[in-house]
Amino acid sequence: MEFLSKAEAADVLAGRAKDPRARRTHDFSIPADTGARVSLVANFMSRLEGQKIVVVFSDWSIWPSGERMHLFDRLRASYGETQNLVDTPVHVFTAEEFEDAVSFVTLGVLFLWDVDVFGKEAVKFSHDEVGHASFNVGQRRK
């Protein structure tokens, strides 16, 4: 796994720009129930299994009472990251690190952070309790 600043990730993210002509989209609500949130993340993330996954945490601490920053910092530290999230908000996971990616995204969604996930498809989870998925036309789930 790599932790990158937004500037360092510019090349990685540029290749993941959305082309609306080649995609279909789906808007959805993020449920209040935590179990349902975990299931929602697992469902969307399953579409990215076997791929390089880029996760961008773009906004957090909107609802400070609903998060535990120390928990997230300790998770990042367990992978060797010592910088603050604001300095390295981009997380790049190899295909072999799929479960790690799911765990990071799950925690962000449980905390109601803004989390953008990019593989061959993309999904955005928002602190506004809504999301937006963008799928390749003709792309089939495993």
N, C-alpha and C. Protein backbone atom coordinates (compact mmCIF):
# COMPACT_ATOMS: atom_id res chain seq x y z
N MET A 1 0.85 -1.17 0.00
CA MET A 1 0.00 0.00 0.00
C MET A 1 0.89 1.23 0.00
N GLU A 2 0.42 2.23 -0.71
CA GLU A 2 1.11 3.52 -0.73
C GLU A 2 0.19 4.59 -0.16
N PHE A 3 0.77 5.53 0.54
CA PHE A 3 0.06 6.71 1.04
C PHE A 3 0.64 7.90 0.30
N LEU A 4 -0.21 8.68 -0.36
CA LEU A 4 0.26 9.78 -1.20
C LEU A 4 -0.46 11.07 -0.87
N SER A 5 0.24 12.18 -1.10
CA SER A 5 -0.41 13.49 -1.04
C SER A 5 -1.23 13.64 -2.33
N LYS A 6 -2.10 14.62 -2.38
CA LYS A 6 -2.86 14.85 -3.60
C LYS A 6 -1.94 15.20 -4.76
N ALA A 7 -0.88 15.98 -4.49
CA ALA A 7 0.07 16.33 -5.54
C ALA A 7 0.80 15.09 -6.05
N GLU A 8 1.23 14.24 -5.14
CA GLU A 8 1.93 13.01 -5.53
C GLU A 8 1.01 12.07 -6.31
N ALA A 9 -0.28 12.14 -6.06
CA ALA A 9 -1.24 11.22 -6.67
C ALA A 9 -1.83 11.75 -7.98
N ALA A 10 -1.42 12.92 -8.41
CA ALA A 10 -2.02 13.53 -9.60
C ALA A 10 -1.97 12.60 -10.81
N ASP A 11 -0.85 11.95 -11.05
CA ASP A 11 -0.74 11.04 -12.19
C ASP A 11 -1.63 9.82 -12.01
N VAL A 12 -1.67 9.29 -10.81
CA VAL A 12 -2.49 8.11 -10.52
C VAL A 12 -3.96 8.43 -10.74
N LEU A 13 -4.38 9.60 -10.27
CA LEU A 13 -5.79 9.99 -10.36
C LEU A 13 -6.19 10.44 -11.75
N ALA A 14 -5.26 11.00 -12.52
CA ALA A 14 -5.57 11.49 -13.86
C ALA A 14 -6.05 10.35 -14.75
N GLY A 15 -5.50 9.19 -14.60
CA GLY A 15 -5.89 8.04 -15.40
C GLY A 15 -7.23 7.46 -15.00
N ARG A 16 -7.83 8.01 -13.98
CA ARG A 16 -9.10 7.48 -13.49
C ARG A 16 -10.24 8.47 -13.68
N ALA A 17 -10.03 9.43 -14.57
CA ALA A 17 -11.08 10.42 -14.85
C ALA A 17 -12.30 9.71 -15.43
N LYS A 18 -13.45 10.24 -15.10
CA LYS A 18 -14.70 9.63 -15.54
C LYS A 18 -15.05 10.09 -16.96
N ASP A 19 -15.43 9.15 -17.80
CA ASP A 19 -15.95 9.45 -19.13
C ASP A 19 -17.43 9.07 -19.11
N PRO A 20 -18.34 10.03 -18.98
CA PRO A 20 -19.75 9.72 -18.83
C PRO A 20 -20.34 8.96 -20.01
N ARG A 21 -19.75 9.07 -21.19
CA ARG A 21 -20.27 8.34 -22.34
C ARG A 21 -20.03 6.84 -22.23
N ALA A 22 -19.01 6.44 -21.47
CA ALA A 22 -18.65 5.03 -21.36
C ALA A 22 -19.11 4.42 -20.04
N ARG A 23 -19.96 5.14 -19.31
CA ARG A 23 -20.34 4.67 -17.98
C ARG A 23 -21.84 4.81 -17.76
N ARG A 24 -22.32 3.99 -16.87
CA ARG A 24 -23.67 4.19 -16.35
C ARG A 24 -23.50 4.54 -14.89
N THR A 25 -24.43 5.29 -14.36
CA THR A 25 -24.29 5.77 -12.99
C THR A 25 -25.46 5.33 -12.13
N HIS A 26 -25.21 5.35 -10.84
CA HIS A 26 -26.23 4.94 -9.87
C HIS A 26 -26.06 5.79 -8.62
N ASP A 27 -27.10 6.51 -8.23
CA ASP A 27 -27.09 7.26 -6.98
C ASP A 27 -27.77 6.41 -5.92
N PHE A 28 -27.31 6.52 -4.69
CA PHE A 28 -27.85 5.70 -3.61
C PHE A 28 -27.76 6.45 -2.29
N SER A 29 -28.51 5.97 -1.32
CA SER A 29 -28.47 6.51 0.04
C SER A 29 -27.57 5.64 0.91
N ILE A 30 -26.87 6.27 1.82
CA ILE A 30 -26.08 5.53 2.80
C ILE A 30 -26.97 5.33 4.02
N PRO A 31 -27.21 4.08 4.39
CA PRO A 31 -28.15 3.82 5.49
C PRO A 31 -27.61 4.27 6.84
N ALA A 32 -28.52 4.50 7.77
CA ALA A 32 -28.14 4.89 9.13
C ALA A 32 -27.60 3.71 9.92
N ASP A 33 -28.13 2.52 9.64
CA ASP A 33 -27.71 1.31 10.36
C ASP A 33 -26.27 0.94 10.00
N THR A 34 -25.43 0.71 11.01
CA THR A 34 -24.02 0.43 10.74
C THR A 34 -23.82 -0.90 10.01
N GLY A 35 -24.61 -1.90 10.35
CA GLY A 35 -24.49 -3.18 9.64
C GLY A 35 -24.82 -3.04 8.17
N ALA A 36 -25.83 -2.25 7.88
CA ALA A 36 -26.20 -2.00 6.49
C ALA A 36 -25.11 -1.20 5.77
N ARG A 37 -24.44 -0.30 6.47
CA ARG A 37 -23.33 0.45 5.86
C ARG A 37 -22.19 -0.49 5.49
N VAL A 38 -21.85 -1.40 6.41
CA VAL A 38 -20.77 -2.37 6.14
C VAL A 38 -21.12 -3.21 4.92
N SER A 39 -22.36 -3.66 4.84
CA SER A 39 -22.82 -4.45 3.71
C SER A 39 -22.78 -3.65 2.41
N LEU A 40 -23.19 -2.40 2.46
CA LEU A 40 -23.17 -1.53 1.28
C LEU A 40 -21.75 -1.39 0.74
N VAL A 41 -20.81 -1.12 1.63
CA VAL A 41 -19.41 -0.99 1.20
C VAL A 41 -18.92 -2.30 0.59
N ALA A 42 -19.19 -3.42 1.25
CA ALA A 42 -18.75 -4.72 0.74
C ALA A 42 -19.31 -4.98 -0.65
N ASN A 43 -20.58 -4.62 -0.86
CA ASN A 43 -21.21 -4.84 -2.16
C ASN A 43 -20.52 -4.02 -3.25
N PHE A 44 -20.32 -2.74 -3.03
CA PHE A 44 -19.68 -1.92 -4.04
C PHE A 44 -18.21 -2.32 -4.24
N MET A 45 -17.52 -2.59 -3.15
CA MET A 45 -16.11 -2.94 -3.26
C MET A 45 -15.90 -4.28 -3.98
N SER A 46 -16.87 -5.18 -3.89
CA SER A 46 -16.72 -6.48 -4.56
C SER A 46 -16.54 -6.32 -6.06
N ARG A 47 -17.04 -5.23 -6.61
CA ARG A 47 -16.88 -4.97 -8.05
C ARG A 47 -15.43 -4.65 -8.42
N LEU A 48 -14.61 -4.32 -7.41
CA LEU A 48 -13.22 -3.92 -7.67
C LEU A 48 -12.21 -4.99 -7.29
N GLU A 49 -12.68 -6.12 -6.82
CA GLU A 49 -11.75 -7.18 -6.41
C GLU A 49 -10.85 -7.59 -7.57
N GLY A 50 -9.57 -7.79 -7.28
CA GLY A 50 -8.60 -8.18 -8.29
C GLY A 50 -7.99 -7.01 -9.04
N GLN A 51 -8.30 -5.79 -8.64
CA GLN A 51 -7.80 -4.59 -9.32
C GLN A 51 -6.95 -3.74 -8.37
N LYS A 52 -6.15 -2.88 -8.95
CA LYS A 52 -5.53 -1.81 -8.18
C LYS A 52 -6.65 -0.87 -7.77
N ILE A 53 -6.67 -0.45 -6.51
CA ILE A 53 -7.73 0.41 -6.00
C ILE A 53 -7.11 1.66 -5.40
N VAL A 54 -7.65 2.80 -5.77
CA VAL A 54 -7.21 4.08 -5.21
C VAL A 54 -8.35 4.63 -4.35
N VAL A 55 -8.04 4.94 -3.10
CA VAL A 55 -9.03 5.47 -2.16
C VAL A 55 -8.58 6.86 -1.74
N VAL A 56 -9.47 7.84 -1.90
CA VAL A 56 -9.16 9.21 -1.54
C VAL A 56 -10.13 9.66 -0.45
N PHE A 57 -9.59 10.04 0.69
CA PHE A 57 -10.39 10.62 1.76
C PHE A 57 -10.34 12.13 1.55
N SER A 58 -11.47 12.71 1.15
CA SER A 58 -11.45 14.12 0.77
C SER A 58 -12.06 15.05 1.81
N ASP A 59 -12.82 14.51 2.73
CA ASP A 59 -13.40 15.35 3.78
C ASP A 59 -13.73 14.47 4.97
N TRP A 60 -13.39 14.95 6.14
CA TRP A 60 -13.64 14.20 7.37
C TRP A 60 -13.87 15.19 8.49
N SER A 61 -14.28 14.69 9.63
CA SER A 61 -14.58 15.50 10.81
C SER A 61 -15.76 16.45 10.59
N ILE A 62 -16.62 16.11 9.64
CA ILE A 62 -17.86 16.87 9.47
C ILE A 62 -18.75 16.62 10.69
N TRP A 63 -18.78 15.37 11.11
CA TRP A 63 -19.56 14.95 12.28
C TRP A 63 -18.59 14.39 13.32
N PRO A 64 -17.85 15.24 14.03
CA PRO A 64 -16.81 14.76 14.97
C PRO A 64 -17.33 13.78 16.02
N SER A 65 -18.58 13.89 16.41
CA SER A 65 -19.10 12.98 17.42
C SER A 65 -19.30 11.57 16.87
N GLY A 66 -19.27 11.41 15.54
CA GLY A 66 -19.48 10.12 14.92
C GLY A 66 -18.22 9.46 14.40
N GLU A 67 -17.08 9.98 14.82
CA GLU A 67 -15.82 9.40 14.36
C GLU A 67 -14.86 9.20 15.52
N ARG A 68 -13.84 8.44 15.27
CA ARG A 68 -12.78 8.22 16.25
C ARG A 68 -11.46 8.30 15.49
N MET A 69 -10.93 9.52 15.35
CA MET A 69 -9.73 9.75 14.54
C MET A 69 -8.55 8.91 15.01
N HIS A 70 -8.45 8.71 16.31
CA HIS A 70 -7.35 7.90 16.84
C HIS A 70 -7.37 6.50 16.25
N LEU A 71 -8.55 5.94 16.09
CA LEU A 71 -8.69 4.59 15.51
C LEU A 71 -8.15 4.59 14.08
N PHE A 72 -8.53 5.61 13.30
CA PHE A 72 -8.07 5.67 11.91
C PHE A 72 -6.56 5.91 11.84
N ASP A 73 -6.06 6.79 12.69
CA ASP A 73 -4.61 7.04 12.73
C ASP A 73 -3.84 5.77 13.08
N ARG A 74 -4.36 5.00 14.01
CA ARG A 74 -3.69 3.75 14.42
C ARG A 74 -3.75 2.71 13.30
N LEU A 75 -4.86 2.69 12.55
CA LEU A 75 -4.95 1.79 11.40
C LEU A 75 -3.87 2.16 10.39
N ARG A 76 -3.75 3.42 10.07
CA ARG A 76 -2.71 3.86 9.12
C ARG A 76 -1.32 3.56 9.65
N ALA A 77 -1.11 3.78 10.94
CA ALA A 77 0.20 3.51 11.55
C ALA A 77 0.55 2.02 11.46
N SER A 78 -0.45 1.16 11.52
CA SER A 78 -0.17 -0.28 11.42
C SER A 78 0.36 -0.66 10.04
N TYR A 79 0.20 0.22 9.06
CA TYR A 79 0.75 0.02 7.72
C TYR A 79 2.00 0.88 7.50
N GLY A 80 2.49 1.50 8.57
CA GLY A 80 3.73 2.26 8.49
C GLY A 80 3.58 3.75 8.20
N GLU A 81 2.35 4.24 8.10
CA GLU A 81 2.14 5.66 7.80
C GLU A 81 2.19 6.50 9.07
N THR A 82 3.06 7.50 9.07
CA THR A 82 3.21 8.37 10.25
C THR A 82 2.70 9.79 10.00
N GLN A 83 2.44 10.13 8.75
CA GLN A 83 1.95 11.47 8.44
C GLN A 83 0.45 11.56 8.74
N ASN A 84 -0.02 12.78 8.89
CA ASN A 84 -1.44 13.02 9.12
C ASN A 84 -2.24 12.76 7.85
N LEU A 85 -3.52 12.43 8.03
CA LEU A 85 -4.40 12.18 6.90
C LEU A 85 -4.46 13.38 5.96
N VAL A 86 -4.45 14.58 6.49
CA VAL A 86 -4.52 15.77 5.65
C VAL A 86 -3.31 15.85 4.71
N ASP A 87 -2.18 15.28 5.10
CA ASP A 87 -0.97 15.31 4.28
C ASP A 87 -0.91 14.17 3.26
N THR A 88 -1.51 13.03 3.59
CA THR A 88 -1.49 11.88 2.68
C THR A 88 -2.90 11.25 2.63
N PRO A 89 -3.83 11.93 1.97
CA PRO A 89 -5.21 11.43 1.93
C PRO A 89 -5.48 10.36 0.87
N VAL A 90 -4.50 10.10 0.01
CA VAL A 90 -4.67 9.14 -1.08
C VAL A 90 -4.00 7.83 -0.70
N HIS A 91 -4.76 6.74 -0.79
CA HIS A 91 -4.28 5.41 -0.43
C HIS A 91 -4.36 4.53 -1.68
N VAL A 92 -3.24 3.94 -2.06
CA VAL A 92 -3.20 3.10 -3.26
C VAL A 92 -2.98 1.65 -2.81
N PHE A 93 -3.92 0.79 -3.18
CA PHE A 93 -3.88 -0.61 -2.78
C PHE A 93 -3.65 -1.49 -4.01
N THR A 94 -2.78 -2.47 -3.89
CA THR A 94 -2.59 -3.43 -4.97
C THR A 94 -3.77 -4.38 -4.97
N ALA A 95 -3.88 -5.18 -6.02
CA ALA A 95 -4.96 -6.16 -6.11
C ALA A 95 -4.92 -7.13 -4.93
N GLU A 96 -3.73 -7.44 -4.45
CA GLU A 96 -3.57 -8.37 -3.33
C GLU A 96 -4.00 -7.74 -2.00
N GLU A 97 -4.15 -6.44 -1.96
CA GLU A 97 -4.53 -5.73 -0.73
C GLU A 97 -6.02 -5.38 -0.71
N PHE A 98 -6.82 -6.16 -1.43
CA PHE A 98 -8.24 -5.88 -1.55
C PHE A 98 -8.92 -5.76 -0.18
N GLU A 99 -8.72 -6.71 0.70
CA GLU A 99 -9.37 -6.68 2.02
C GLU A 99 -8.93 -5.45 2.82
N ASP A 100 -7.70 -5.04 2.65
CA ASP A 100 -7.22 -3.83 3.31
C ASP A 100 -7.99 -2.61 2.80
N ALA A 101 -8.17 -2.54 1.48
CA ALA A 101 -8.93 -1.44 0.90
C ALA A 101 -10.36 -1.42 1.43
N VAL A 102 -10.99 -2.58 1.48
CA VAL A 102 -12.36 -2.67 2.00
C VAL A 102 -12.41 -2.16 3.43
N SER A 103 -11.43 -2.52 4.24
CA SER A 103 -11.41 -2.08 5.64
C SER A 103 -11.28 -0.57 5.76
N PHE A 104 -10.39 0.03 4.99
CA PHE A 104 -10.22 1.49 5.04
C PHE A 104 -11.50 2.20 4.61
N VAL A 105 -12.10 1.74 3.51
CA VAL A 105 -13.32 2.38 3.01
C VAL A 105 -14.45 2.20 4.02
N THR A 106 -14.56 1.01 4.58
CA THR A 106 -15.62 0.74 5.56
C THR A 106 -15.52 1.71 6.73
N LEU A 107 -14.33 1.89 7.25
CA LEU A 107 -14.17 2.79 8.38
C LEU A 107 -14.56 4.22 8.01
N GLY A 108 -14.15 4.68 6.83
CA GLY A 108 -14.53 6.02 6.38
C GLY A 108 -16.03 6.18 6.24
N VAL A 109 -16.70 5.17 5.73
CA VAL A 109 -18.15 5.24 5.57
C VAL A 109 -18.86 5.17 6.92
N LEU A 110 -18.36 4.34 7.82
CA LEU A 110 -18.94 4.30 9.16
C LEU A 110 -18.84 5.65 9.85
N PHE A 111 -17.75 6.37 9.60
CA PHE A 111 -17.54 7.70 10.19
C PHE A 111 -18.27 8.80 9.41
N LEU A 112 -18.91 8.44 8.29
CA LEU A 112 -19.56 9.40 7.38
C LEU A 112 -18.59 10.45 6.85
N TRP A 113 -17.46 9.96 6.35
CA TRP A 113 -16.49 10.80 5.68
C TRP A 113 -16.77 10.77 4.18
N ASP A 114 -16.19 11.72 3.46
CA ASP A 114 -16.23 11.69 2.00
C ASP A 114 -15.09 10.78 1.53
N VAL A 115 -15.47 9.72 0.85
CA VAL A 115 -14.50 8.72 0.40
C VAL A 115 -14.75 8.44 -1.07
N ASP A 116 -13.72 8.67 -1.90
CA ASP A 116 -13.80 8.35 -3.32
C ASP A 116 -12.97 7.10 -3.57
N VAL A 117 -13.54 6.15 -4.28
CA VAL A 117 -12.89 4.87 -4.55
C VAL A 117 -12.82 4.69 -6.06
N PHE A 118 -11.61 4.41 -6.56
CA PHE A 118 -11.40 4.24 -7.99
C PHE A 118 -10.72 2.91 -8.29
N GLY A 119 -11.29 2.18 -9.19
CA GLY A 119 -10.68 1.01 -9.81
C GLY A 119 -11.03 1.19 -11.27
N LYS A 120 -11.49 0.11 -11.92
CA LYS A 120 -12.03 0.26 -13.27
C LYS A 120 -13.40 0.93 -13.22
N GLU A 121 -13.98 0.92 -12.03
CA GLU A 121 -15.23 1.61 -11.77
C GLU A 121 -14.98 2.54 -10.60
N ALA A 122 -15.94 3.39 -10.29
CA ALA A 122 -15.73 4.38 -9.23
C ALA A 122 -16.98 4.50 -8.37
N VAL A 123 -16.75 4.81 -7.10
CA VAL A 123 -17.86 5.08 -6.20
C VAL A 123 -17.46 6.19 -5.25
N LYS A 124 -18.40 7.06 -4.96
CA LYS A 124 -18.17 8.14 -3.99
C LYS A 124 -19.18 7.98 -2.87
N PHE A 125 -18.67 7.94 -1.65
CA PHE A 125 -19.49 7.93 -0.45
C PHE A 125 -19.37 9.32 0.17
N SER A 126 -20.50 9.94 0.52
CA SER A 126 -20.49 11.31 1.02
C SER A 126 -20.97 11.39 2.47
N HIS A 127 -20.46 12.40 3.17
CA HIS A 127 -20.91 12.65 4.54
C HIS A 127 -22.38 13.07 4.57
N ASP A 128 -22.93 13.40 3.43
CA ASP A 128 -24.35 13.76 3.33
C ASP A 128 -25.25 12.53 3.29
N GLU A 129 -24.65 11.36 3.49
CA GLU A 129 -25.37 10.08 3.53
C GLU A 129 -25.97 9.69 2.19
N VAL A 130 -25.27 10.10 1.13
CA VAL A 130 -25.61 9.69 -0.22
C VAL A 130 -24.33 9.23 -0.91
N GLY A 131 -24.51 8.52 -1.99
CA GLY A 131 -23.36 8.08 -2.76
C GLY A 131 -23.65 8.10 -4.23
N HIS A 132 -22.61 7.92 -5.02
CA HIS A 132 -22.72 7.94 -6.47
C HIS A 132 -21.73 6.91 -7.01
N ALA A 133 -22.23 5.97 -7.78
CA ALA A 133 -21.38 4.95 -8.39
C ALA A 133 -21.35 5.16 -9.89
N SER A 134 -20.22 4.87 -10.49
CA SER A 134 -20.04 5.00 -11.93
C SER A 134 -19.45 3.69 -12.44
N PHE A 135 -20.20 2.99 -13.28
CA PHE A 135 -19.81 1.68 -13.77
C PHE A 135 -19.49 1.72 -15.25
N ASN A 136 -18.52 0.93 -15.67
CA ASN A 136 -18.22 0.82 -17.08
C ASN A 136 -19.39 0.14 -17.78
N VAL A 137 -19.76 0.65 -18.93
CA VAL A 137 -20.81 0.03 -19.72
C VAL A 137 -20.30 -1.34 -20.18
N GLY A 138 -21.12 -2.34 -19.99
CA GLY A 138 -20.73 -3.69 -20.39
C GLY A 138 -19.89 -4.41 -19.35
N GLN A 139 -19.48 -3.74 -18.30
CA GLN A 139 -18.69 -4.37 -17.25
C GLN A 139 -19.57 -5.32 -16.45
N ARG A 140 -19.13 -6.52 -16.27
CA ARG A 140 -19.91 -7.49 -15.51
C ARG A 140 -19.22 -7.78 -14.18
N ARG A 141 -20.03 -8.00 -13.17
CA ARG A 141 -19.51 -8.38 -11.87
C ARG A 141 -18.95 -9.78 -11.94
N LYS A 142 -18.02 -10.06 -11.06
CA LYS A 142 -17.47 -11.41 -10.95
C LYS A 142 -18.53 -12.34 -10.45
